[in-house]
Every structure is written in C-alpha cells, then in structure tokens.
C-alpha cells in the first residue's frame, strides 16, 4: 500500500485541492462538451480518476494543471468511446432546458437593465455555440488559455503538446472562433430581418 492511501490527512488534503478547483474544472468541461450534465459527469469522472491515482500527483507541479489534464483525457475518451462530438443543431431553439437551468447567469447586476442582461446571456450562448464548432484540439487550447487563464507552458503540459504547437493552436483557434462567431451573427441577423 502506498503512503497516500495510508495517510488519511493526505487524502483530506487531496480532497480539499479537488474542491478548490471544482468550478474551474466544471467551466473547462462545459466549454469542451457544451452540455451541463455531461460536464458534471466528466468532472466527477476526472476527480474519481485523480483521487484513485493521487499517489501519481507530483506536489511540486501545479495541481490544477494535473487535474485539467485528466479532465481533458476523460473528454477525449468519451469522444472516442461514443464516436461523436456534441453538435449543436442550427435549428435548435436558443432557450433549451439546459439554459433554463443556468438562470443565475442571466440575472441582472445591480446597475444592469434586463435588456443588457438578456443580450449578455445571448452572447454567452453564441460564444459557446461557436466554440463547439472548433475541432477539439483548438477548442481546448483556446479555452485553457483565453478562458481559464492558464499559461502557454501549462497548456502545453496539459495537452501534452510542444509549446510551439500550443501557440499555433491558440492563434488558429482564435481565427476559427472569430469566423464561427461571425457566421452565427450573420445567421442571427438574417433570422431577425426575415422574421
């Protein structure tokens, strides 16, 4: 039996580390898969794998980077296992049950009027839909760097990719994201103009 399994204090410390990065892990998972329930399941599986293999964690390295790597691998395993990526139908209504479950994100701030709040919520959904159009290697690089705030070096370690490749994927991912956002905005304008 290894030391971490013998020492209950180390298990408690590990559980505390997991709790501290839970929100960031969920956000990353959601940005990868675009589905609330799938994101929760991915985080749960990643945390279970991390806890089961906590003896492999090197405390000299950032914990978040380690757990995000596990989370990315859970996502890739799911993609391979089910041989599909979560796709969003362009005919799907914008206000799905999942969106209704995230109502708190649409609540107005103290100084924000309801129209601004609704527009912000729509913008967030549009960004998510655009992210879902990106190939997973571009999506994960952009989400980890631009949304989650990891450094190039951390993204490189998490994705097990050379630093130059990460920089290239972030650059190309941003270009693809910009193009996807433009296409979605054009579609939205067309719908609004033609009723």
C-alpha atoms as a PDB file:
ATOM      1  CA  UNK A   1       0.000   0.000   0.000  1.00  0.00           C
ATOM      2  CA  UNK A   2       1.397   3.404  -0.866  1.00  0.00           C
ATOM      3  CA  UNK A   3       1.819   6.296   1.564  1.00  0.00           C
ATOM      4  CA  UNK A   4      -1.085   8.449   0.339  1.00  0.00           C
ATOM      5  CA  UNK A   5      -3.569   5.635   0.945  1.00  0.00           C
ATOM      6  CA  UNK A   6      -2.206   5.008   4.445  1.00  0.00           C
ATOM      7  CA  UNK A   7      -2.266   8.662   5.446  1.00  0.00           C
ATOM      8  CA  UNK A   8      -5.825   9.980   5.936  1.00  0.00           C
ATOM      9  CA  UNK A   9      -4.510  13.551   6.240  1.00  0.00           C
ATOM     10  CA  UNK A  10      -3.065  13.356   2.734  1.00  0.00           C
ATOM     11  CA  UNK A  11      -6.411  12.086   1.401  1.00  0.00           C
ATOM     12  CA  UNK A  12      -8.177  15.010   3.091  1.00  0.00           C
ATOM     13  CA  UNK A  13      -5.642  17.451   1.640  1.00  0.00           C
ATOM     14  CA  UNK A  14      -6.222  15.956  -1.789  1.00  0.00           C
ATOM     15  CA  UNK A  15      -9.995  16.266  -1.416  1.00  0.00           C
ATOM     16  CA  UNK A  16      -9.520  19.926  -0.463  1.00  0.00           C
ATOM     17  CA  UNK A  17      -7.443  20.502  -3.612  1.00  0.00           C
ATOM     18  CA  UNK A  18     -10.228  18.949  -5.676  1.00  0.00           C
ATOM     19  CA  UNK A  19     -12.835  21.192  -4.057  1.00  0.00           C
ATOM     20  CA  UNK A  20     -10.745  24.295  -4.743  1.00  0.00           C
ATOM     21  CA  UNK A  21     -10.586  23.641  -8.477  1.00  0.00           C
ATOM     22  CA  UNK A  22     -14.147  22.320  -8.913  1.00  0.00           C
ATOM     23  CA  UNK A  23     -15.561  25.480 -10.523  1.00  0.00           C
ATOM     24  CA  UNK A  24     -12.669  25.850 -12.931  1.00  0.00           C
ATOM     25  CA  UNK A  25     -12.882  22.149 -13.822  1.00  0.00           C
ATOM     26  CA  UNK A  26     -16.615  22.434 -14.492  1.00  0.00           C
ATOM     27  CA  UNK A  27     -16.122  25.525 -16.664  1.00  0.00           C
ATOM     28  CA  UNK A  28     -13.448  23.753 -18.704  1.00  0.00           C
ATOM     29  CA  UNK A  29     -15.596  20.627 -19.097  1.00  0.00           C
ATOM     30  CA  UNK A  30     -18.628  22.684 -20.104  1.00  0.00           C
ATOM     31  CA  UNK A  31     -16.632  24.602 -22.691  1.00  0.00           C
ATOM     32  CA  UNK A  32     -15.387  21.304 -24.124  1.00  0.00           C
ATOM     33  CA  UNK A  33     -18.713  19.496 -24.351  1.00  0.00           C
ATOM     34  CA  UNK A  34     -21.331  22.267 -24.235  1.00  0.00           C
ATOM     35  CA  UNK A  35     -23.721  20.293 -22.035  1.00  0.00           C
ATOM     36  CA  UNK A  36     -24.326  20.823 -18.322  1.00  0.00           C
ATOM     37  CA  UNK A  37     -24.975  17.188 -17.382  1.00  0.00           C
ATOM     38  CA  UNK A  38     -22.096  15.856 -19.496  1.00  0.00           C
ATOM     39  CA  UNK A  39     -19.777  18.458 -17.953  1.00  0.00           C
ATOM     40  CA  UNK A  40     -20.797  17.416 -14.436  1.00  0.00           C
ATOM     41  CA  UNK A  41     -20.270  13.749 -15.316  1.00  0.00           C
ATOM     42  CA  UNK A  42     -16.844  14.493 -16.819  1.00  0.00           C
ATOM     43  CA  UNK A  43     -15.726  16.403 -13.717  1.00  0.00           C
ATOM     44  CA  UNK A  44     -16.954  13.612 -11.457  1.00  0.00           C
ATOM     45  CA  UNK A  45     -15.092  11.006 -13.507  1.00  0.00           C
ATOM     46  CA  UNK A  46     -11.910  13.117 -13.653  1.00  0.00           C
ATOM     47  CA  UNK A  47     -11.992  13.699  -9.892  1.00  0.00           C
ATOM     48  CA  UNK A  48     -12.561   9.989  -9.263  1.00  0.00           C
ATOM     49  CA  UNK A  49      -9.617   9.102 -11.515  1.00  0.00           C
ATOM     50  CA  UNK A  50      -7.470  11.751  -9.862  1.00  0.00           C
ATOM     51  CA  UNK A  51      -8.370  10.536  -6.385  1.00  0.00           C
ATOM     52  CA  UNK A  52      -7.764   6.900  -7.340  1.00  0.00           C
ATOM     53  CA  UNK A  53      -4.325   7.824  -8.695  1.00  0.00           C
ATOM     54  CA  UNK A  54      -3.455  10.563  -6.201  1.00  0.00           C
ATOM     55  CA  UNK A  55      -0.171   8.821  -5.496  1.00  0.00           C
ATOM     56  CA  UNK A  56       0.906   9.826  -9.041  1.00  0.00           C
ATOM     57  CA  UNK A  57       0.432  13.545  -8.383  1.00  0.00           C
ATOM     58  CA  UNK A  58       3.710  15.445  -8.018  1.00  0.00           C
ATOM     59  CA  UNK A  59       3.148  18.187  -5.389  1.00  0.00           C
ATOM     60  CA  UNK A  60       5.946  20.218  -6.996  1.00  0.00           C
ATOM     61  CA  UNK A  61       3.736  20.775 -10.053  1.00  0.00           C
ATOM     62  CA  UNK A  62       0.504  22.803 -10.266  1.00  0.00           C
ATOM     63  CA  UNK A  63      -2.466  20.715  -9.131  1.00  0.00           C
ATOM     64  CA  UNK A  64      -4.946  22.445 -11.462  1.00  0.00           C
ATOM     65  CA  UNK A  65      -2.842  21.614 -14.496  1.00  0.00           C
ATOM     66  CA  UNK A  66      -2.700  17.958 -13.427  1.00  0.00           C
ATOM     67  CA  UNK A  67      -6.450  17.643 -12.871  1.00  0.00           C
ATOM     68  CA  UNK A  68      -7.263  19.533 -16.091  1.00  0.00           C
ATOM     69  CA  UNK A  69      -5.090  17.063 -17.996  1.00  0.00           C
ATOM     70  CA  UNK A  70      -7.121  14.216 -16.514  1.00  0.00           C
ATOM     71  CA  UNK A  71     -10.324  16.066 -17.406  1.00  0.00           C
ATOM     72  CA  UNK A  72      -9.187  16.588 -21.000  1.00  0.00           C
ATOM     73  CA  UNK A  73      -8.379  12.869 -21.229  1.00  0.00           C
ATOM     74  CA  UNK A  74     -11.837  11.974 -19.875  1.00  0.00           C
ATOM     75  CA  UNK A  75     -13.362  14.124 -22.605  1.00  0.00           C
ATOM     76  CA  UNK A  76     -11.219  12.546 -25.331  1.00  0.00           C
ATOM     77  CA  UNK A  77     -12.055   9.070 -24.004  1.00  0.00           C
ATOM     78  CA  UNK A  78     -15.761   9.920 -24.198  1.00  0.00           C
ATOM     79  CA  UNK A  79     -15.402  11.243 -27.745  1.00  0.00           C
ATOM     80  CA  UNK A  80     -13.601   8.077 -28.812  1.00  0.00           C
ATOM     81  CA  UNK A  81     -15.983   5.809 -26.942  1.00  0.00           C
ATOM     82  CA  UNK A  82     -19.150   7.226 -28.435  1.00  0.00           C
ATOM     83  CA  UNK A  83     -17.576   8.206 -31.771  1.00  0.00           C
ATOM     84  CA  UNK A  84     -19.237  11.553 -31.870  1.00  0.00           C
ATOM     85  CA  UNK A  85     -18.739  15.077 -30.760  1.00  0.00           C
ATOM     86  CA  UNK A  86     -21.533  17.090 -29.212  1.00  0.00           C
ATOM     87  CA  UNK A  87     -23.017  19.044 -32.074  1.00  0.00           C
ATOM     88  CA  UNK A  88     -25.480  21.898 -31.865  1.00  0.00           C
ATOM     89  CA  UNK A  89     -28.290  21.978 -34.379  1.00  0.00           C
ATOM     90  CA  UNK A  90     -28.717  25.354 -36.009  1.00  0.00           C
ATOM     91  CA  UNK A  91     -32.464  24.673 -35.827  1.00  0.00           C
ATOM     92  CA  UNK A  92     -32.388  24.143 -32.057  1.00  0.00           C
ATOM     93  CA  UNK A  93     -34.146  26.804 -30.004  1.00  0.00           C
ATOM     94  CA  UNK A  94     -31.846  29.168 -28.175  1.00  0.00           C
ATOM     95  CA  UNK A  95     -33.604  28.666 -24.826  1.00  0.00           C
ATOM     96  CA  UNK A  96     -33.203  24.977 -24.039  1.00  0.00           C
ATOM     97  CA  UNK A  97     -33.828  23.277 -20.698  1.00  0.00           C
ATOM     98  CA  UNK A  98     -30.087  23.410 -20.053  1.00  0.00           C
ATOM     99  CA  UNK A  99     -30.087  27.172 -20.493  1.00  0.00           C
ATOM    100  CA  UNK A 100     -33.044  27.443 -18.117  1.00  0.00           C
ATOM    101  CA  UNK A 101     -31.008  25.539 -15.514  1.00  0.00           C
ATOM    102  CA  UNK A 102     -28.343  28.196 -15.686  1.00  0.00           C
ATOM    103  CA  UNK A 103     -30.769  31.037 -14.962  1.00  0.00           C
ATOM    104  CA  UNK A 104     -28.481  32.603 -12.408  1.00  0.00           C
ATOM    105  CA  UNK A 105     -26.101  33.644 -15.198  1.00  0.00           C
ATOM    106  CA  UNK A 106     -28.890  35.725 -16.707  1.00  0.00           C
ATOM    107  CA  UNK A 107     -29.784  37.648 -13.549  1.00  0.00           C
ATOM    108  CA  UNK A 108     -29.080  41.336 -13.925  1.00  0.00           C
ATOM    109  CA  UNK A 109     -26.395  43.003 -11.880  1.00  0.00           C
ATOM    110  CA  UNK A 110     -27.126  45.979  -9.634  1.00  0.00           C
ATOM    111  CA  UNK A 111     -26.736  48.527 -12.429  1.00  0.00           C
ATOM    112  CA  UNK A 112     -27.656  46.349 -15.389  1.00  0.00           C
ATOM    113  CA  UNK A 113     -31.018  46.622 -17.079  1.00  0.00           C
ATOM    114  CA  UNK A 114     -32.886  43.480 -18.207  1.00  0.00           C
ATOM    115  CA  UNK A 115     -32.140  44.103 -21.896  1.00  0.00           C
ATOM    116  CA  UNK A 116     -28.383  44.217 -21.234  1.00  0.00           C
ATOM    117  CA  UNK A 117     -28.667  41.049 -19.151  1.00  0.00           C
ATOM    118  CA  UNK A 118     -30.563  39.212 -21.895  1.00  0.00           C
ATOM    119  CA  UNK A 119     -28.064  40.363 -24.515  1.00  0.00           C
ATOM    120  CA  UNK A 120     -25.150  39.178 -22.351  1.00  0.00           C
ATOM    121  CA  UNK A 121     -26.810  35.765 -21.942  1.00  0.00           C
ATOM    122  CA  UNK A 122     -27.355  35.515 -25.693  1.00  0.00           C
ATOM    123  CA  UNK A 123     -23.735  36.500 -26.345  1.00  0.00           C
ATOM    124  CA  UNK A 124     -22.519  33.782 -23.947  1.00  0.00           C
ATOM    125  CA  UNK A 125     -24.656  31.166 -25.709  1.00  0.00           C
ATOM    126  CA  UNK A 126     -23.341  32.330 -29.072  1.00  0.00           C
ATOM    127  CA  UNK A 127     -19.721  32.015 -27.894  1.00  0.00           C
ATOM    128  CA  UNK A 128     -20.464  28.503 -26.605  1.00  0.00           C
ATOM    129  CA  UNK A 129     -22.048  27.510 -29.919  1.00  0.00           C
ATOM    130  CA  UNK A 130     -19.041  28.922 -31.787  1.00  0.00           C
ATOM    131  CA  UNK A 131     -16.620  27.038 -29.509  1.00  0.00           C
ATOM    132  CA  UNK A 132     -18.485  23.803 -30.202  1.00  0.00           C
ATOM    133  CA  UNK A 133     -17.752  24.232 -33.910  1.00  0.00           C
ATOM    134  CA  UNK A 134     -13.978  24.142 -33.312  1.00  0.00           C
ATOM    135  CA  UNK A 135     -12.018  20.891 -33.534  1.00  0.00           C
ATOM    136  CA  UNK A 136     -11.254  19.693 -30.001  1.00  0.00           C
ATOM    137  CA  UNK A 137      -7.503  20.461 -30.102  1.00  0.00           C
ATOM    138  CA  UNK A 138      -8.171  24.111 -30.993  1.00  0.00           C
ATOM    139  CA  UNK A 139     -11.105  24.364 -28.585  1.00  0.00           C
ATOM    140  CA  UNK A 140      -9.175  23.002 -25.604  1.00  0.00           C
ATOM    141  CA  UNK A 141      -6.185  25.271 -26.276  1.00  0.00           C
ATOM    142  CA  UNK A 142      -8.368  28.393 -26.564  1.00  0.00           C
ATOM    143  CA  UNK A 143     -10.479  27.504 -23.520  1.00  0.00           C
ATOM    144  CA  UNK A 144      -7.476  26.692 -21.326  1.00  0.00           C
ATOM    145  CA  UNK A 145      -5.535  29.811 -22.311  1.00  0.00           C
ATOM    146  CA  UNK A 146      -8.123  32.508 -23.025  1.00  0.00           C
ATOM    147  CA  UNK A 147     -10.984  31.474 -20.755  1.00  0.00           C
ATOM    148  CA  UNK A 148      -9.364  29.569 -17.888  1.00  0.00           C
ATOM    149  CA  UNK A 149      -6.230  31.730 -17.826  1.00  0.00           C
ATOM    150  CA  UNK A 150      -3.524  29.066 -17.900  1.00  0.00           C
ATOM    151  CA  UNK A 151      -0.096  29.998 -19.270  1.00  0.00           C
ATOM    152  CA  UNK A 152       1.227  28.682 -22.590  1.00  0.00           C
ATOM    153  CA  UNK A 153       3.542  26.366 -20.656  1.00  0.00           C
ATOM    154  CA  UNK A 154       0.690  24.976 -18.543  1.00  0.00           C
ATOM    155  CA  UNK A 155      -1.465  24.405 -21.623  1.00  0.00           C
ATOM    156  CA  UNK A 156       1.499  22.656 -23.234  1.00  0.00           C
ATOM    157  CA  UNK A 157       1.791  20.273 -20.270  1.00  0.00           C
ATOM    158  CA  UNK A 158      -1.966  19.706 -20.018  1.00  0.00           C
ATOM    159  CA  UNK A 159      -2.374  18.881 -23.688  1.00  0.00           C
ATOM    160  CA  UNK A 160       0.934  17.037 -23.934  1.00  0.00           C
ATOM    161  CA  UNK A 161       1.858  19.219 -26.915  1.00  0.00           C
ATOM    162  CA  UNK A 162       5.022  21.183 -27.736  1.00  0.00           C
ATOM    163  CA  UNK A 163       4.926  24.862 -26.773  1.00  0.00           C
ATOM    164  CA  UNK A 164       5.070  25.994 -30.414  1.00  0.00           C
ATOM    165  CA  UNK A 165       2.114  23.769 -31.266  1.00  0.00           C
ATOM    166  CA  UNK A 166       0.117  25.250 -28.391  1.00  0.00           C
ATOM    167  CA  UNK A 167       0.849  28.807 -29.569  1.00  0.00           C
ATOM    168  CA  UNK A 168      -0.159  27.840 -33.095  1.00  0.00           C
ATOM    169  CA  UNK A 169      -3.372  26.158 -31.923  1.00  0.00           C
ATOM    170  CA  UNK A 170      -4.348  29.167 -29.835  1.00  0.00           C
ATOM    171  CA  UNK A 171      -3.732  31.502 -32.767  1.00  0.00           C
ATOM    172  CA  UNK A 172      -5.585  29.296 -35.268  1.00  0.00           C
ATOM    173  CA  UNK A 173      -8.325  28.540 -32.727  1.00  0.00           C
ATOM    174  CA  UNK A 174      -8.944  32.261 -32.233  1.00  0.00           C
ATOM    175  CA  UNK A 175      -9.204  32.728 -36.001  1.00  0.00           C
ATOM    176  CA  UNK A 176     -11.661  29.831 -36.301  1.00  0.00           C
ATOM    177  CA  UNK A 177     -13.633  31.123 -33.319  1.00  0.00           C
ATOM    178  CA  UNK A 178     -13.845  34.597 -34.840  1.00  0.00           C
ATOM    179  CA  UNK A 179     -15.069  33.101 -38.130  1.00  0.00           C
ATOM    180  CA  UNK A 180     -17.645  30.916 -36.359  1.00  0.00           C
ATOM    181  CA  UNK A 181     -18.904  33.887 -34.335  1.00  0.00           C
ATOM    182  CA  UNK A 182     -19.245  35.964 -37.493  1.00  0.00           C
ATOM    183  CA  UNK A 183     -21.232  33.187 -39.181  1.00  0.00           C
ATOM    184  CA  UNK A 184     -23.547  32.864 -36.171  1.00  0.00           C
ATOM    185  CA  UNK A 185     -24.053  36.635 -36.024  1.00  0.00           C
ATOM    186  CA  UNK A 186     -24.847  36.707 -39.739  1.00  0.00           C
ATOM    187  CA  UNK A 187     -27.379  33.892 -39.268  1.00  0.00           C
ATOM    188  CA  UNK A 188     -28.923  35.745 -36.334  1.00  0.00           C
ATOM    189  CA  UNK A 189     -29.239  38.965 -38.367  1.00  0.00           C
ATOM    190  CA  UNK A 190     -30.858  37.054 -41.232  1.00  0.00           C
ATOM    191  CA  UNK A 191     -33.411  35.489 -38.887  1.00  0.00           C
ATOM    192  CA  UNK A 192     -34.200  38.857 -37.288  1.00  0.00           C
ATOM    193  CA  UNK A 193     -34.574  40.570 -40.661  1.00  0.00           C
ATOM    194  CA  UNK A 194     -36.779  37.906 -42.204  1.00  0.00           C
ATOM    195  CA  UNK A 195     -38.797  37.128 -39.100  1.00  0.00           C
END
